[in-house]
Amino acid sequence: MNKIRAEYHKTEYTNGPHLVMMIDGVQLNKIAETIDYHGHLKGLVSTLLNGWLYNKNEEEVVWERIDLRPNEIKIVPILMCPDDCDFSCTVVVVEMKLDGDTVKWNKLGIDETLTRADNPKTVGRNIKWFQNIGPFEFRKDDFYHCINTFKKEKIKIDQQ
């Protein structure tokens, strides 16, 4: 069983620390950087960061998809380019499934859907799956604790 949590860290192209997903003690963006994809995977940030996605429709897609239902497979946008902070640039997705008391990340990949910037709901239709990353399996409680850490940050900032 893998471990997942949210922690504050600085990523390569940001000015200061922000929430990042940690998988077995390693930043998810660092795990993605191990894939050779023409340098487009360096310094990615979470799509769950409050206020970072400029497009509210894209934000809605992310939060709707991260809300898993038992035995339903969802393609969840999980990392994005910190320069554009939208679906027009690099987007890493995860195939997720809630299976009893575990959340399974079957595979990770880069979204290559051409229409995703104009129609955010199409993100995940065309994916180049990474080899040698995953699968990961987390305790359901640990997964939702991580997601809720991002959600609490969102609520706290929304109320300011």
N, C-alpha and C. Protein backbone atom coordinates (compact mmCIF):
# COMPACT_ATOMS: atom_id res chain seq x y z
N MET A 1 0.85 -1.18 0.00
CA MET A 1 0.00 0.00 0.00
C MET A 1 0.89 1.24 0.00
N ASN A 2 0.58 2.17 -0.89
CA ASN A 2 1.35 3.42 -0.97
C ASN A 2 0.79 4.44 0.02
N LYS A 3 1.60 5.44 0.31
CA LYS A 3 1.22 6.53 1.22
C LYS A 3 0.99 7.79 0.39
N ILE A 4 -0.04 8.55 0.73
CA ILE A 4 -0.33 9.82 0.06
C ILE A 4 -0.64 10.86 1.13
N ARG A 5 -0.13 12.07 0.89
CA ARG A 5 -0.42 13.18 1.80
C ARG A 5 -0.18 14.49 1.06
N ALA A 6 -0.66 15.57 1.64
CA ALA A 6 -0.42 16.91 1.10
C ALA A 6 0.54 17.63 2.03
N GLU A 7 1.56 18.25 1.45
CA GLU A 7 2.54 19.01 2.22
C GLU A 7 2.87 20.29 1.45
N TYR A 8 3.42 21.24 2.18
CA TYR A 8 3.88 22.48 1.55
C TYR A 8 5.33 22.33 1.11
N HIS A 9 5.57 22.60 -0.17
CA HIS A 9 6.90 22.59 -0.75
C HIS A 9 6.95 23.61 -1.88
N LYS A 10 8.13 24.04 -2.21
CA LYS A 10 8.33 24.89 -3.39
C LYS A 10 8.61 23.97 -4.58
N THR A 11 8.03 24.30 -5.71
CA THR A 11 8.36 23.57 -6.93
C THR A 11 9.24 24.47 -7.81
N GLU A 12 9.79 23.91 -8.84
CA GLU A 12 10.85 24.55 -9.61
C GLU A 12 10.54 25.96 -10.10
N TYR A 13 9.33 26.20 -10.59
CA TYR A 13 9.03 27.49 -11.21
C TYR A 13 8.08 28.37 -10.39
N THR A 14 7.98 28.11 -9.09
CA THR A 14 7.12 28.94 -8.24
C THR A 14 7.97 29.77 -7.29
N ASN A 15 7.37 30.83 -6.78
CA ASN A 15 8.10 31.76 -5.90
C ASN A 15 8.18 31.29 -4.46
N GLY A 16 7.25 30.45 -4.05
CA GLY A 16 7.26 30.01 -2.66
C GLY A 16 6.55 28.69 -2.50
N PRO A 17 6.50 28.20 -1.26
CA PRO A 17 5.86 26.91 -0.99
C PRO A 17 4.35 26.95 -1.25
N HIS A 18 3.83 25.83 -1.67
CA HIS A 18 2.39 25.63 -1.90
C HIS A 18 2.12 24.15 -1.67
N LEU A 19 0.86 23.78 -1.58
CA LEU A 19 0.53 22.37 -1.37
C LEU A 19 0.94 21.53 -2.57
N VAL A 20 1.54 20.39 -2.28
CA VAL A 20 1.88 19.39 -3.29
C VAL A 20 1.43 18.03 -2.78
N MET A 21 1.12 17.13 -3.69
CA MET A 21 0.83 15.74 -3.31
C MET A 21 2.15 15.00 -3.16
N MET A 22 2.24 14.27 -2.06
CA MET A 22 3.41 13.45 -1.78
C MET A 22 2.98 11.99 -1.90
N ILE A 23 3.72 11.21 -2.69
CA ILE A 23 3.48 9.79 -2.84
C ILE A 23 4.71 9.07 -2.28
N ASP A 24 4.50 8.32 -1.23
CA ASP A 24 5.61 7.60 -0.58
C ASP A 24 6.78 8.54 -0.28
N GLY A 25 6.45 9.75 0.16
CA GLY A 25 7.48 10.71 0.55
C GLY A 25 8.13 11.49 -0.58
N VAL A 26 7.63 11.32 -1.81
CA VAL A 26 8.20 12.02 -2.97
C VAL A 26 7.10 12.88 -3.60
N GLN A 27 7.46 14.12 -3.97
CA GLN A 27 6.50 15.00 -4.62
C GLN A 27 6.01 14.38 -5.92
N LEU A 28 4.70 14.40 -6.15
CA LEU A 28 4.13 13.84 -7.37
C LEU A 28 4.74 14.48 -8.61
N ASN A 29 4.99 15.79 -8.57
CA ASN A 29 5.59 16.45 -9.73
C ASN A 29 7.00 15.90 -10.00
N LYS A 30 7.74 15.52 -8.95
CA LYS A 30 9.07 14.94 -9.14
C LYS A 30 8.96 13.53 -9.76
N ILE A 31 7.93 12.81 -9.38
CA ILE A 31 7.70 11.49 -9.98
C ILE A 31 7.43 11.66 -11.48
N ALA A 32 6.60 12.63 -11.84
CA ALA A 32 6.29 12.88 -13.25
C ALA A 32 7.54 13.30 -14.03
N GLU A 33 8.43 14.03 -13.37
CA GLU A 33 9.65 14.51 -14.04
C GLU A 33 10.59 13.37 -14.46
N THR A 34 10.38 12.17 -13.93
CA THR A 34 11.23 11.05 -14.31
C THR A 34 10.95 10.57 -15.73
N ILE A 35 9.83 11.00 -16.30
CA ILE A 35 9.47 10.62 -17.67
C ILE A 35 10.10 11.62 -18.63
N ASP A 36 10.71 11.12 -19.68
CA ASP A 36 11.29 11.99 -20.69
C ASP A 36 10.20 12.37 -21.68
N TYR A 37 9.69 13.56 -21.52
CA TYR A 37 8.65 14.06 -22.43
C TYR A 37 9.03 15.47 -22.90
N HIS A 38 10.14 15.58 -23.54
CA HIS A 38 10.63 16.82 -24.15
C HIS A 38 10.73 17.96 -23.14
N GLY A 39 10.98 17.66 -21.86
CA GLY A 39 11.15 18.69 -20.85
C GLY A 39 9.88 19.36 -20.38
N HIS A 40 8.73 18.89 -20.85
CA HIS A 40 7.46 19.54 -20.51
C HIS A 40 6.89 19.12 -19.15
N LEU A 41 7.59 18.29 -18.43
CA LEU A 41 7.05 17.79 -17.17
C LEU A 41 7.78 18.36 -15.95
N LYS A 42 8.65 19.31 -16.14
CA LYS A 42 9.39 19.92 -15.02
C LYS A 42 8.54 20.97 -14.33
N GLY A 43 8.55 20.94 -12.99
CA GLY A 43 7.93 21.99 -12.20
C GLY A 43 6.42 22.06 -12.22
N LEU A 44 5.75 20.98 -12.59
CA LEU A 44 4.29 20.99 -12.63
C LEU A 44 3.72 21.18 -11.22
N VAL A 45 2.50 21.72 -11.15
CA VAL A 45 1.81 21.95 -9.88
C VAL A 45 0.46 21.26 -9.91
N SER A 46 -0.12 21.09 -8.74
CA SER A 46 -1.41 20.41 -8.62
C SER A 46 -2.54 21.24 -9.20
N THR A 47 -3.46 20.58 -9.86
CA THR A 47 -4.67 21.23 -10.36
C THR A 47 -5.63 21.55 -9.22
N LEU A 48 -5.39 21.00 -8.04
CA LEU A 48 -6.26 21.22 -6.88
C LEU A 48 -5.92 22.50 -6.12
N LEU A 49 -4.87 23.20 -6.51
CA LEU A 49 -4.48 24.43 -5.82
C LEU A 49 -5.55 25.51 -6.01
N ASN A 50 -6.01 26.05 -4.90
CA ASN A 50 -7.07 27.04 -4.96
C ASN A 50 -6.64 28.31 -5.69
N GLY A 51 -7.46 28.71 -6.65
CA GLY A 51 -7.23 29.95 -7.35
C GLY A 51 -6.16 29.91 -8.42
N TRP A 52 -5.52 28.76 -8.61
CA TRP A 52 -4.45 28.68 -9.61
C TRP A 52 -4.99 28.45 -11.01
N LEU A 53 -6.04 27.65 -11.14
CA LEU A 53 -6.66 27.46 -12.45
C LEU A 53 -7.45 28.72 -12.78
N TYR A 54 -7.10 29.37 -13.89
CA TYR A 54 -7.75 30.62 -14.27
C TYR A 54 -9.19 30.40 -14.74
N ASN A 55 -9.43 29.26 -15.33
CA ASN A 55 -10.74 28.96 -15.91
C ASN A 55 -11.59 28.20 -14.89
N LYS A 56 -12.70 28.78 -14.47
CA LYS A 56 -13.57 28.16 -13.45
C LYS A 56 -14.18 26.87 -13.96
N ASN A 57 -14.42 26.75 -15.27
CA ASN A 57 -14.97 25.51 -15.83
C ASN A 57 -13.95 24.37 -15.68
N GLU A 58 -12.67 24.69 -15.86
CA GLU A 58 -11.63 23.68 -15.67
C GLU A 58 -11.55 23.27 -14.20
N GLU A 59 -11.64 24.24 -13.31
CA GLU A 59 -11.63 23.94 -11.88
C GLU A 59 -12.79 23.02 -11.50
N GLU A 60 -13.97 23.28 -12.05
CA GLU A 60 -15.13 22.43 -11.79
C GLU A 60 -14.90 21.00 -12.26
N VAL A 61 -14.28 20.84 -13.43
CA VAL A 61 -13.98 19.50 -13.96
C VAL A 61 -13.06 18.75 -12.99
N VAL A 62 -12.02 19.43 -12.52
CA VAL A 62 -11.06 18.80 -11.60
C VAL A 62 -11.78 18.32 -10.34
N TRP A 63 -12.54 19.21 -9.70
CA TRP A 63 -13.18 18.85 -8.43
C TRP A 63 -14.31 17.84 -8.61
N GLU A 64 -14.99 17.86 -9.74
CA GLU A 64 -16.03 16.86 -10.00
C GLU A 64 -15.40 15.48 -10.19
N ARG A 65 -14.29 15.43 -10.89
CA ARG A 65 -13.67 14.15 -11.18
C ARG A 65 -12.93 13.55 -9.98
N ILE A 66 -12.42 14.39 -9.09
CA ILE A 66 -11.70 13.87 -7.93
C ILE A 66 -12.69 13.29 -6.90
N ASP A 67 -13.98 13.59 -7.07
CA ASP A 67 -15.03 13.04 -6.21
C ASP A 67 -15.40 11.65 -6.73
N LEU A 68 -14.72 10.64 -6.21
CA LEU A 68 -14.86 9.28 -6.71
C LEU A 68 -16.09 8.58 -6.14
N ARG A 69 -16.67 7.72 -6.95
CA ARG A 69 -17.77 6.86 -6.53
C ARG A 69 -17.30 5.41 -6.65
N PRO A 70 -17.83 4.53 -5.80
CA PRO A 70 -17.35 3.14 -5.80
C PRO A 70 -17.37 2.50 -7.19
N ASN A 71 -16.24 1.88 -7.53
CA ASN A 71 -16.06 1.09 -8.75
C ASN A 71 -16.19 1.87 -10.05
N GLU A 72 -16.22 3.18 -9.98
CA GLU A 72 -16.28 4.02 -11.18
C GLU A 72 -14.87 4.50 -11.49
N ILE A 73 -14.44 4.31 -12.72
CA ILE A 73 -13.12 4.77 -13.14
C ILE A 73 -13.26 6.20 -13.69
N LYS A 74 -12.40 7.09 -13.18
CA LYS A 74 -12.40 8.48 -13.65
C LYS A 74 -11.00 8.88 -14.07
N ILE A 75 -10.94 9.71 -15.10
CA ILE A 75 -9.68 10.30 -15.55
C ILE A 75 -9.62 11.70 -14.93
N VAL A 76 -8.68 11.88 -14.00
CA VAL A 76 -8.61 13.10 -13.21
C VAL A 76 -7.38 13.92 -13.60
N PRO A 77 -7.58 15.17 -14.04
CA PRO A 77 -6.44 16.06 -14.26
C PRO A 77 -5.80 16.35 -12.90
N ILE A 78 -4.51 16.06 -12.75
CA ILE A 78 -3.89 16.14 -11.43
C ILE A 78 -2.72 17.12 -11.36
N LEU A 79 -2.01 17.31 -12.47
CA LEU A 79 -0.88 18.26 -12.53
C LEU A 79 -1.02 19.14 -13.76
N MET A 80 -0.50 20.38 -13.63
CA MET A 80 -0.56 21.32 -14.76
C MET A 80 0.69 22.19 -14.76
N CYS A 81 0.87 22.87 -15.87
CA CYS A 81 1.97 23.81 -16.03
C CYS A 81 1.72 25.04 -15.16
N PRO A 82 2.70 25.48 -14.37
CA PRO A 82 2.50 26.65 -13.51
C PRO A 82 2.53 27.99 -14.24
N ASP A 83 2.96 27.99 -15.50
CA ASP A 83 2.98 29.25 -16.26
C ASP A 83 1.58 29.64 -16.72
N ASP A 84 0.89 28.69 -17.32
CA ASP A 84 -0.43 28.98 -17.88
C ASP A 84 -1.57 28.70 -16.90
N CYS A 85 -1.39 27.72 -16.03
CA CYS A 85 -2.41 27.35 -15.04
C CYS A 85 -3.78 27.16 -15.69
N ASP A 86 -3.79 26.44 -16.79
CA ASP A 86 -5.04 26.08 -17.44
C ASP A 86 -4.79 24.83 -18.29
N PHE A 87 -5.84 24.37 -18.96
CA PHE A 87 -5.75 23.14 -19.74
C PHE A 87 -5.11 23.36 -21.11
N SER A 88 -4.65 24.57 -21.42
CA SER A 88 -4.06 24.81 -22.73
C SER A 88 -2.62 24.33 -22.82
N CYS A 89 -1.99 24.09 -21.69
CA CYS A 89 -0.59 23.69 -21.66
C CYS A 89 -0.51 22.23 -21.18
N THR A 90 0.54 21.87 -20.53
CA THR A 90 0.75 20.49 -20.07
C THR A 90 -0.24 20.12 -18.97
N VAL A 91 -0.91 18.98 -19.15
CA VAL A 91 -1.83 18.45 -18.14
C VAL A 91 -1.53 16.96 -17.98
N VAL A 92 -1.22 16.57 -16.74
CA VAL A 92 -1.03 15.16 -16.40
C VAL A 92 -2.32 14.66 -15.76
N VAL A 93 -2.77 13.50 -16.22
CA VAL A 93 -4.00 12.90 -15.70
C VAL A 93 -3.70 11.56 -15.03
N VAL A 94 -4.63 11.15 -14.18
CA VAL A 94 -4.52 9.87 -13.49
C VAL A 94 -5.83 9.11 -13.70
N GLU A 95 -5.72 7.83 -14.01
CA GLU A 95 -6.89 6.96 -14.03
C GLU A 95 -7.11 6.46 -12.61
N MET A 96 -8.20 6.90 -11.97
CA MET A 96 -8.48 6.57 -10.56
C MET A 96 -9.74 5.73 -10.41
N LYS A 97 -9.72 4.92 -9.36
CA LYS A 97 -10.89 4.10 -9.05
C LYS A 97 -10.97 3.91 -7.54
N LEU A 98 -12.17 4.13 -6.99
CA LEU A 98 -12.44 3.83 -5.58
C LEU A 98 -12.90 2.39 -5.52
N ASP A 99 -12.13 1.56 -4.82
CA ASP A 99 -12.40 0.13 -4.74
C ASP A 99 -12.43 -0.28 -3.27
N GLY A 100 -13.63 -0.29 -2.69
CA GLY A 100 -13.76 -0.63 -1.27
C GLY A 100 -13.08 0.42 -0.41
N ASP A 101 -12.10 -0.02 0.38
CA ASP A 101 -11.37 0.88 1.28
C ASP A 101 -10.08 1.40 0.67
N THR A 102 -9.92 1.24 -0.65
CA THR A 102 -8.71 1.73 -1.31
C THR A 102 -9.05 2.60 -2.51
N VAL A 103 -8.13 3.51 -2.81
CA VAL A 103 -8.21 4.30 -4.03
C VAL A 103 -7.03 3.86 -4.88
N LYS A 104 -7.33 3.43 -6.09
CA LYS A 104 -6.30 2.94 -7.00
C LYS A 104 -6.03 3.97 -8.08
N TRP A 105 -4.75 4.25 -8.26
CA TRP A 105 -4.30 5.03 -9.41
C TRP A 105 -3.69 4.01 -10.35
N ASN A 106 -4.46 3.61 -11.34
CA ASN A 106 -4.02 2.55 -12.24
C ASN A 106 -2.88 2.99 -13.14
N LYS A 107 -2.96 4.23 -13.65
CA LYS A 107 -1.90 4.73 -14.52
C LYS A 107 -1.96 6.25 -14.58
N LEU A 108 -0.82 6.83 -14.94
CA LEU A 108 -0.69 8.26 -15.14
C LEU A 108 -0.25 8.51 -16.57
N GLY A 109 -0.67 9.65 -17.10
CA GLY A 109 -0.27 9.98 -18.47
C GLY A 109 -0.41 11.45 -18.75
N ILE A 110 0.01 11.83 -19.93
CA ILE A 110 -0.11 13.22 -20.35
C ILE A 110 -1.30 13.33 -21.30
N ASP A 111 -2.14 14.32 -21.03
CA ASP A 111 -3.32 14.50 -21.86
C ASP A 111 -2.92 15.17 -23.17
N GLU A 112 -3.36 14.58 -24.27
CA GLU A 112 -3.08 15.12 -25.59
C GLU A 112 -4.36 15.47 -26.34
N THR A 113 -5.44 15.69 -25.59
CA THR A 113 -6.72 16.04 -26.18
C THR A 113 -6.66 17.46 -26.73
N LEU A 114 -6.87 17.64 -28.02
CA LEU A 114 -6.74 18.95 -28.65
C LEU A 114 -7.84 19.93 -28.26
N THR A 115 -9.00 19.44 -27.85
CA THR A 115 -10.13 20.32 -27.56
C THR A 115 -10.24 20.71 -26.08
N ARG A 116 -9.33 20.24 -25.23
CA ARG A 116 -9.50 20.43 -23.79
C ARG A 116 -9.50 21.89 -23.36
N ALA A 117 -8.75 22.77 -24.05
CA ALA A 117 -8.72 24.19 -23.66
C ALA A 117 -10.05 24.88 -23.99
N ASP A 118 -10.68 24.49 -25.08
CA ASP A 118 -11.96 25.08 -25.47
C ASP A 118 -13.13 24.40 -24.77
N ASN A 119 -12.99 23.13 -24.49
CA ASN A 119 -14.05 22.36 -23.85
C ASN A 119 -13.43 21.51 -22.75
N PRO A 120 -13.32 22.04 -21.53
CA PRO A 120 -12.62 21.34 -20.44
C PRO A 120 -13.14 19.93 -20.16
N LYS A 121 -14.39 19.66 -20.45
CA LYS A 121 -14.95 18.33 -20.17
C LYS A 121 -14.33 17.25 -21.05
N THR A 122 -13.63 17.65 -22.11
CA THR A 122 -13.01 16.66 -22.99
C THR A 122 -11.63 16.23 -22.51
N VAL A 123 -11.10 16.87 -21.46
CA VAL A 123 -9.78 16.48 -20.94
C VAL A 123 -9.81 14.98 -20.60
N GLY A 124 -8.78 14.28 -21.02
CA GLY A 124 -8.71 12.85 -20.74
C GLY A 124 -9.19 11.95 -21.86
N ARG A 125 -9.60 12.50 -22.96
CA ARG A 125 -10.07 11.67 -24.08
C ARG A 125 -8.93 11.09 -24.90
N ASN A 126 -7.78 11.76 -24.91
CA ASN A 126 -6.63 11.29 -25.69
C ASN A 126 -5.40 11.38 -24.79
N ILE A 127 -4.91 10.24 -24.34
CA ILE A 127 -3.85 10.21 -23.33
C ILE A 127 -2.68 9.36 -23.79
N LYS A 128 -1.49 9.89 -23.57
CA LYS A 128 -0.27 9.09 -23.76
C LYS A 128 0.12 8.61 -22.37
N TRP A 129 -0.11 7.34 -22.08
CA TRP A 129 0.14 6.79 -20.75
C TRP A 129 1.63 6.60 -20.52
N PHE A 130 2.06 6.96 -19.32
CA PHE A 130 3.46 6.79 -18.94
C PHE A 130 3.74 5.32 -18.66
N GLN A 131 4.92 4.90 -19.02
CA GLN A 131 5.39 3.57 -18.65
C GLN A 131 6.23 3.72 -17.38
N ASN A 132 6.26 2.72 -16.56
CA ASN A 132 7.12 2.68 -15.38
C ASN A 132 6.74 3.65 -14.27
N ILE A 133 5.53 4.19 -14.28
CA ILE A 133 5.03 4.97 -13.14
C ILE A 133 3.69 4.36 -12.74
N GLY A 134 3.63 3.94 -11.47
CA GLY A 134 2.41 3.33 -10.97
C GLY A 134 2.37 1.86 -11.33
N PRO A 135 1.30 1.22 -10.98
CA PRO A 135 0.13 1.77 -10.30
C PRO A 135 0.42 2.08 -8.83
N PHE A 136 -0.47 2.90 -8.25
CA PHE A 136 -0.41 3.23 -6.84
C PHE A 136 -1.73 2.85 -6.20
N GLU A 137 -1.66 2.46 -4.94
CA GLU A 137 -2.87 2.11 -4.20
C GLU A 137 -2.77 2.72 -2.81
N PHE A 138 -3.82 3.48 -2.45
CA PHE A 138 -3.83 4.21 -1.18
C PHE A 138 -5.01 3.79 -0.32
N ARG A 139 -4.83 3.91 0.98
CA ARG A 139 -5.98 3.76 1.88
C ARG A 139 -6.95 4.89 1.56
N LYS A 140 -8.22 4.57 1.46
CA LYS A 140 -9.25 5.56 1.14
C LYS A 140 -9.18 6.75 2.10
N ASP A 141 -9.03 6.49 3.39
CA ASP A 141 -8.97 7.57 4.38
C ASP A 141 -7.77 8.48 4.14
N ASP A 142 -6.62 7.91 3.80
CA ASP A 142 -5.43 8.72 3.53
C ASP A 142 -5.62 9.58 2.28
N PHE A 143 -6.21 8.98 1.24
CA PHE A 143 -6.45 9.72 0.01
C PHE A 143 -7.36 10.92 0.27
N TYR A 144 -8.48 10.68 0.96
CA TYR A 144 -9.41 11.79 1.21
C TYR A 144 -8.86 12.80 2.20
N HIS A 145 -8.01 12.39 3.10
CA HIS A 145 -7.35 13.36 3.98
C HIS A 145 -6.48 14.30 3.14
N CYS A 146 -5.76 13.75 2.18
CA CYS A 146 -4.93 14.56 1.28
C CYS A 146 -5.80 15.52 0.48
N ILE A 147 -6.85 15.02 -0.13
CA ILE A 147 -7.74 15.86 -0.95
C ILE A 147 -8.40 16.93 -0.09
N ASN A 148 -8.82 16.56 1.12
CA ASN A 148 -9.46 17.52 2.01
C ASN A 148 -8.51 18.61 2.47
N THR A 149 -7.21 18.33 2.52
CA THR A 149 -6.24 19.37 2.84
C THR A 149 -6.27 20.45 1.76
N PHE A 150 -6.32 20.04 0.50
CA PHE A 150 -6.46 21.01 -0.59
C PHE A 150 -7.80 21.73 -0.50
N LYS A 151 -8.86 20.99 -0.19
CA LYS A 151 -10.20 21.57 -0.11
C LYS A 151 -10.29 22.60 1.01
N LYS A 152 -9.70 22.31 2.16
CA LYS A 152 -9.71 23.26 3.28
C LYS A 152 -8.98 24.54 2.92
N GLU A 153 -7.90 24.42 2.20
CA GLU A 153 -7.14 25.59 1.75
C GLU A 153 -8.02 26.41 0.81
N LYS A 154 -8.78 25.74 -0.04
CA LYS A 154 -9.70 26.41 -0.97
C LYS A 154 -10.77 27.17 -0.20
N ILE A 155 -11.38 26.55 0.78
CA ILE A 155 -12.44 27.19 1.57
C ILE A 155 -11.86 28.38 2.34
N LYS A 156 -10.70 28.20 2.94
CA LYS A 156 -10.08 29.27 3.73
C LYS A 156 -9.82 30.50 2.85
N ILE A 157 -9.29 30.29 1.65
CA ILE A 157 -8.99 31.41 0.76
C ILE A 157 -10.27 32.01 0.19
N ASP A 158 -11.28 31.18 -0.13
CA ASP A 158 -12.56 31.68 -0.65
C ASP A 158 -13.25 32.61 0.36
N GLN A 159 -13.06 32.36 1.65
CA GLN A 159 -13.72 33.13 2.69
C GLN A 159 -13.02 34.45 2.99
N GLN A 160 -11.83 34.65 2.45
CA GLN A 160 -11.10 35.90 2.72
C GLN A 160 -11.63 37.05 1.90
